[in-house]
Amino acid sequence: MYTRIYFLRFPKETCDKPIIYFLVTRFDVEFNILKADILPQREGIMIIELKGSRENVQESLSYLKDLGVKVERLAGKIWRDESKCFQCGACTGICPVGALSLHRPDMAVIFTPDKCTGCGLCVTICPVRAMEVSFDEIVEDALV
């Protein structure tokens, strides 16, 4: 399964169209809206995680571009500060890709960076802010 996070900037002409619906029905991609600010007759922005086959995700991005949506790939990096983490497990329930899991029977929180898509949901849920994210890289070619 191919998973990437994108920053989308919608022109005001597209803000009243069911674009995300078409991504699902026409291109068979799953989505997770991480942040959105879209109002009628105004430019909108969205940070979205797309998941599906590589070909379907790329076709959906081409569709967005054809509508005039500006697409930038965000490459986030998540890491855990081991000195802050007290293994509460709150992050494991919110991680959409299973990069954070509980190891049984000792109930240790395991972080697998290779599975992580950089969505940042664990950062907001962590009560001690042991999880950190940086979006220090914006990839210009969204089809990468």
C-alpha atoms as a PDB file:
ATOM      1  CA  MET A   1       0.000   0.000   0.000  1.00  0.00           C
ATOM      2  CA  TYR A   2       1.418   3.355  -1.097  1.00  0.00           C
ATOM      3  CA  THR A   3       0.890   6.155   1.473  1.00  0.00           C
ATOM      4  CA  ARG A   4       1.927   9.813   1.160  1.00  0.00           C
ATOM      5  CA  ILE A   5       0.962  13.141   2.728  1.00  0.00           C
ATOM      6  CA  TYR A   6       0.200  16.167   0.544  1.00  0.00           C
ATOM      7  CA  PHE A   7      -0.487  19.850   1.002  1.00  0.00           C
ATOM      8  CA  LEU A   8      -3.320  20.933  -1.305  1.00  0.00           C
ATOM      9  CA  ARG A   9      -4.248  24.512  -2.217  1.00  0.00           C
ATOM     10  CA  PHE A  10      -7.691  24.744  -3.831  1.00  0.00           C
ATOM     11  CA  PRO A  11      -8.669  27.677  -6.057  1.00  0.00           C
ATOM     12  CA  LYS A  12     -11.955  29.280  -5.050  1.00  0.00           C
ATOM     13  CA  GLU A  13     -13.673  27.829  -8.134  1.00  0.00           C
ATOM     14  CA  THR A  14     -13.223  24.267  -6.835  1.00  0.00           C
ATOM     15  CA  CYS A  15     -14.159  24.708  -3.167  1.00  0.00           C
ATOM     16  CA  ASP A  16     -17.800  23.715  -3.745  1.00  0.00           C
ATOM     17  CA  LYS A  17     -17.012  20.517  -5.694  1.00  0.00           C
ATOM     18  CA  PRO A  18     -16.933  17.020  -4.139  1.00  0.00           C
ATOM     19  CA  ILE A  19     -13.287  16.474  -5.033  1.00  0.00           C
ATOM     20  CA  ILE A  20     -12.429  14.065  -2.209  1.00  0.00           C
ATOM     21  CA  TYR A  21     -15.484  11.971  -3.076  1.00  0.00           C
ATOM     22  CA  PHE A  22     -14.157  11.599  -6.619  1.00  0.00           C
ATOM     23  CA  LEU A  23     -10.730  10.537  -5.328  1.00  0.00           C
ATOM     24  CA  VAL A  24     -12.412   7.624  -3.587  1.00  0.00           C
ATOM     25  CA  THR A  25     -14.919   6.634  -6.269  1.00  0.00           C
ATOM     26  CA  ARG A  26     -12.852   7.221  -9.418  1.00  0.00           C
ATOM     27  CA  PHE A  27      -9.355   6.377  -8.241  1.00  0.00           C
ATOM     28  CA  ASP A  28      -9.943   3.928  -5.363  1.00  0.00           C
ATOM     29  CA  VAL A  29      -7.755   5.789  -2.868  1.00  0.00           C
ATOM     30  CA  GLU A  30      -8.296   6.072   0.866  1.00  0.00           C
ATOM     31  CA  PHE A  31      -7.849   9.442   2.520  1.00  0.00           C
ATOM     32  CA  ASN A  32      -7.226  10.898   5.948  1.00  0.00           C
ATOM     33  CA  ILE A  33      -7.742  14.659   6.239  1.00  0.00           C
ATOM     34  CA  LEU A  34      -5.155  15.880   8.725  1.00  0.00           C
ATOM     35  CA  LYS A  35      -6.009  19.576   8.471  1.00  0.00           C
ATOM     36  CA  ALA A  36      -8.369  21.611   6.322  1.00  0.00           C
ATOM     37  CA  ASP A  37      -9.538  25.198   5.907  1.00  0.00           C
ATOM     38  CA  ILE A  38     -12.029  25.344   3.048  1.00  0.00           C
ATOM     39  CA  LEU A  39     -14.765  27.959   2.733  1.00  0.00           C
ATOM     40  CA  PRO A  40     -17.210  28.595  -0.133  1.00  0.00           C
ATOM     41  CA  GLN A  41     -15.949  31.059  -2.758  1.00  0.00           C
ATOM     42  CA  ARG A  42     -12.511  31.308  -1.126  1.00  0.00           C
ATOM     43  CA  GLU A  43      -9.197  29.604  -1.652  1.00  0.00           C
ATOM     44  CA  GLY A  44      -8.884  26.500   0.515  1.00  0.00           C
ATOM     45  CA  ILE A  45      -6.030  24.476   1.930  1.00  0.00           C
ATOM     46  CA  MET A  46      -5.828  20.899   3.085  1.00  0.00           C
ATOM     47  CA  ILE A  47      -3.228  18.497   4.403  1.00  0.00           C
ATOM     48  CA  ILE A  48      -4.293  15.022   3.359  1.00  0.00           C
ATOM     49  CA  GLU A  49      -2.870  11.536   3.578  1.00  0.00           C
ATOM     50  CA  LEU A  50      -3.620   9.430   0.490  1.00  0.00           C
ATOM     51  CA  LYS A  51      -3.360   5.660   0.503  1.00  0.00           C
ATOM     52  CA  GLY A  52      -3.768   3.187  -2.350  1.00  0.00           C
ATOM     53  CA  SER A  53      -1.769   1.673  -5.158  1.00  0.00           C
ATOM     54  CA  ARG A  54       1.024   3.932  -6.380  1.00  0.00           C
ATOM     55  CA  GLU A  55      -0.632   4.213  -9.792  1.00  0.00           C
ATOM     56  CA  ASN A  56      -4.025   5.182  -8.302  1.00  0.00           C
ATOM     57  CA  VAL A  57      -2.500   7.814  -6.022  1.00  0.00           C
ATOM     58  CA  GLN A  58      -0.582   9.304  -8.946  1.00  0.00           C
ATOM     59  CA  GLU A  59      -3.701   9.349 -11.139  1.00  0.00           C
ATOM     60  CA  SER A  60      -5.647  11.075  -8.357  1.00  0.00           C
ATOM     61  CA  LEU A  61      -2.917  13.717  -8.062  1.00  0.00           C
ATOM     62  CA  SER A  62      -3.065  14.323 -11.817  1.00  0.00           C
ATOM     63  CA  TYR A  63      -6.835  14.761 -11.513  1.00  0.00           C
ATOM     64  CA  LEU A  64      -6.332  17.345  -8.755  1.00  0.00           C
ATOM     65  CA  LYS A  65      -3.772  19.240 -10.823  1.00  0.00           C
ATOM     66  CA  ASP A  66      -6.117  19.253 -13.826  1.00  0.00           C
ATOM     67  CA  LEU A  67      -8.698  20.988 -11.606  1.00  0.00           C
ATOM     68  CA  GLY A  68      -6.177  23.696 -10.750  1.00  0.00           C
ATOM     69  CA  VAL A  69      -5.338  22.370  -7.278  1.00  0.00           C
ATOM     70  CA  LYS A  70      -1.721  23.022  -6.313  1.00  0.00           C
ATOM     71  CA  VAL A  71      -0.185  19.855  -4.874  1.00  0.00           C
ATOM     72  CA  GLU A  72       2.984  19.593  -2.782  1.00  0.00           C
ATOM     73  CA  ARG A  73       4.192  16.439  -1.113  1.00  0.00           C
ATOM     74  CA  LEU A  74       5.056  16.777   2.543  1.00  0.00           C
ATOM     75  CA  ALA A  75       7.740  14.520   3.884  1.00  0.00           C
ATOM     76  CA  GLY A  76       7.425  14.501   7.627  1.00  0.00           C
ATOM     77  CA  LYS A  77       9.801  12.879  10.018  1.00  0.00           C
ATOM     78  CA  ILE A  78       8.557  11.617  13.378  1.00  0.00           C
ATOM     79  CA  TRP A  79      10.802  10.659  16.238  1.00  0.00           C
ATOM     80  CA  ARG A  80      10.353   9.804  19.893  1.00  0.00           C
ATOM     81  CA  ASP A  81      12.267  11.378  22.755  1.00  0.00           C
ATOM     82  CA  GLU A  82      12.939   8.276  24.849  1.00  0.00           C
ATOM     83  CA  SER A  83      13.744  10.371  27.938  1.00  0.00           C
ATOM     84  CA  LYS A  84      10.212  11.864  27.936  1.00  0.00           C
ATOM     85  CA  CYS A  85       8.205   8.770  26.962  1.00  0.00           C
ATOM     86  CA  PHE A  86       6.734   6.893  29.922  1.00  0.00           C
ATOM     87  CA  GLN A  87       5.124   4.145  27.807  1.00  0.00           C
ATOM     88  CA  CYS A  88       1.479   5.141  28.406  1.00  0.00           C
ATOM     89  CA  GLY A  89       0.409   3.806  24.990  1.00  0.00           C
ATOM     90  CA  ALA A  90      -1.919   6.696  24.092  1.00  0.00           C
ATOM     91  CA  CYS A  91      -0.193   7.059  20.715  1.00  0.00           C
ATOM     92  CA  THR A  92      -0.767   3.442  19.718  1.00  0.00           C
ATOM     93  CA  GLY A  93      -4.525   3.853  19.462  1.00  0.00           C
ATOM     94  CA  ILE A  94      -4.371   6.814  17.078  1.00  0.00           C
ATOM     95  CA  CYS A  95      -1.619   5.716  14.699  1.00  0.00           C
ATOM     96  CA  PRO A  96      -3.380   4.964  11.383  1.00  0.00           C
ATOM     97  CA  VAL A  97      -0.582   2.815   9.945  1.00  0.00           C
ATOM     98  CA  GLY A  98       0.554   0.784  12.957  1.00  0.00           C
ATOM     99  CA  ALA A  99       3.938   2.462  13.310  1.00  0.00           C
ATOM    100  CA  LEU A 100       3.281   2.629  17.062  1.00  0.00           C
ATOM    101  CA  SER A 101       2.253  -0.589  18.789  1.00  0.00           C
ATOM    102  CA  LEU A 102       2.177  -2.261  22.175  1.00  0.00           C
ATOM    103  CA  HIS A 103       4.512  -5.186  22.772  1.00  0.00           C
ATOM    104  CA  ARG A 104       2.905  -7.791  24.969  1.00  0.00           C
ATOM    105  CA  PRO A 105       3.212  -8.937  27.729  1.00  0.00           C
ATOM    106  CA  ASP A 106       5.494  -6.142  28.959  1.00  0.00           C
ATOM    107  CA  MET A 107       3.261  -3.434  27.338  1.00  0.00           C
ATOM    108  CA  ALA A 108       6.244  -1.533  25.932  1.00  0.00           C
ATOM    109  CA  VAL A 109       5.439   1.007  23.217  1.00  0.00           C
ATOM    110  CA  ILE A 110       7.297   0.082  20.032  1.00  0.00           C
ATOM    111  CA  PHE A 111       7.915   2.745  17.362  1.00  0.00           C
ATOM    112  CA  THR A 112       8.670   1.468  13.841  1.00  0.00           C
ATOM    113  CA  PRO A 113       9.813   4.531  11.833  1.00  0.00           C
ATOM    114  CA  ASP A 114       9.756   2.629   8.508  1.00  0.00           C
ATOM    115  CA  LYS A 115       5.949   2.275   8.760  1.00  0.00           C
ATOM    116  CA  CYS A 116       5.436   5.924   9.761  1.00  0.00           C
ATOM    117  CA  THR A 117       3.874   8.288   7.205  1.00  0.00           C
ATOM    118  CA  GLY A 118       4.580  11.431   9.252  1.00  0.00           C
ATOM    119  CA  CYS A 119       0.927  12.360   9.776  1.00  0.00           C
ATOM    120  CA  GLY A 120       1.651  13.811  13.228  1.00  0.00           C
ATOM    121  CA  LEU A 121      -1.433  12.447  15.007  1.00  0.00           C
ATOM    122  CA  CYS A 122       0.758  10.867  17.694  1.00  0.00           C
ATOM    123  CA  VAL A 123       2.340  14.248  18.399  1.00  0.00           C
ATOM    124  CA  THR A 124      -0.975  15.828  19.354  1.00  0.00           C
ATOM    125  CA  ILE A 125      -2.145  12.909  21.513  1.00  0.00           C
ATOM    126  CA  CYS A 126       1.073  12.384  23.507  1.00  0.00           C
ATOM    127  CA  PRO A 127       0.488  13.784  27.013  1.00  0.00           C
ATOM    128  CA  VAL A 128       4.196  14.463  27.636  1.00  0.00           C
ATOM    129  CA  ARG A 129       5.110  15.545  24.079  1.00  0.00           C
ATOM    130  CA  ALA A 130       7.573  12.692  23.641  1.00  0.00           C
ATOM    131  CA  MET A 131       6.641  12.383  19.952  1.00  0.00           C
ATOM    132  CA  GLU A 132       7.955  15.113  17.669  1.00  0.00           C
ATOM    133  CA  VAL A 133       7.463  15.886  13.975  1.00  0.00           C
ATOM    134  CA  SER A 134       9.223  18.105  11.501  1.00  0.00           C
ATOM    135  CA  PHE A 135       8.002  18.885   7.995  1.00  0.00           C
ATOM    136  CA  ASP A 136      11.414  20.170   6.997  1.00  0.00           C
ATOM    137  CA  GLU A 137      11.201  18.806   3.476  1.00  0.00           C
ATOM    138  CA  ILE A 138       8.626  19.722   0.871  1.00  0.00           C
ATOM    139  CA  VAL A 139       9.085  17.665  -2.248  1.00  0.00           C
ATOM    140  CA  GLU A 140       8.420  19.791  -5.329  1.00  0.00           C
ATOM    141  CA  ASP A 141       7.358  16.960  -7.611  1.00  0.00           C
ATOM    142  CA  ALA A 142       4.171  15.612  -6.029  1.00  0.00           C
ATOM    143  CA  LEU A 143       4.268  12.459  -8.117  1.00  0.00           C
ATOM    144  CA  VAL A 144       7.399  11.191  -6.399  1.00  0.00           C
END
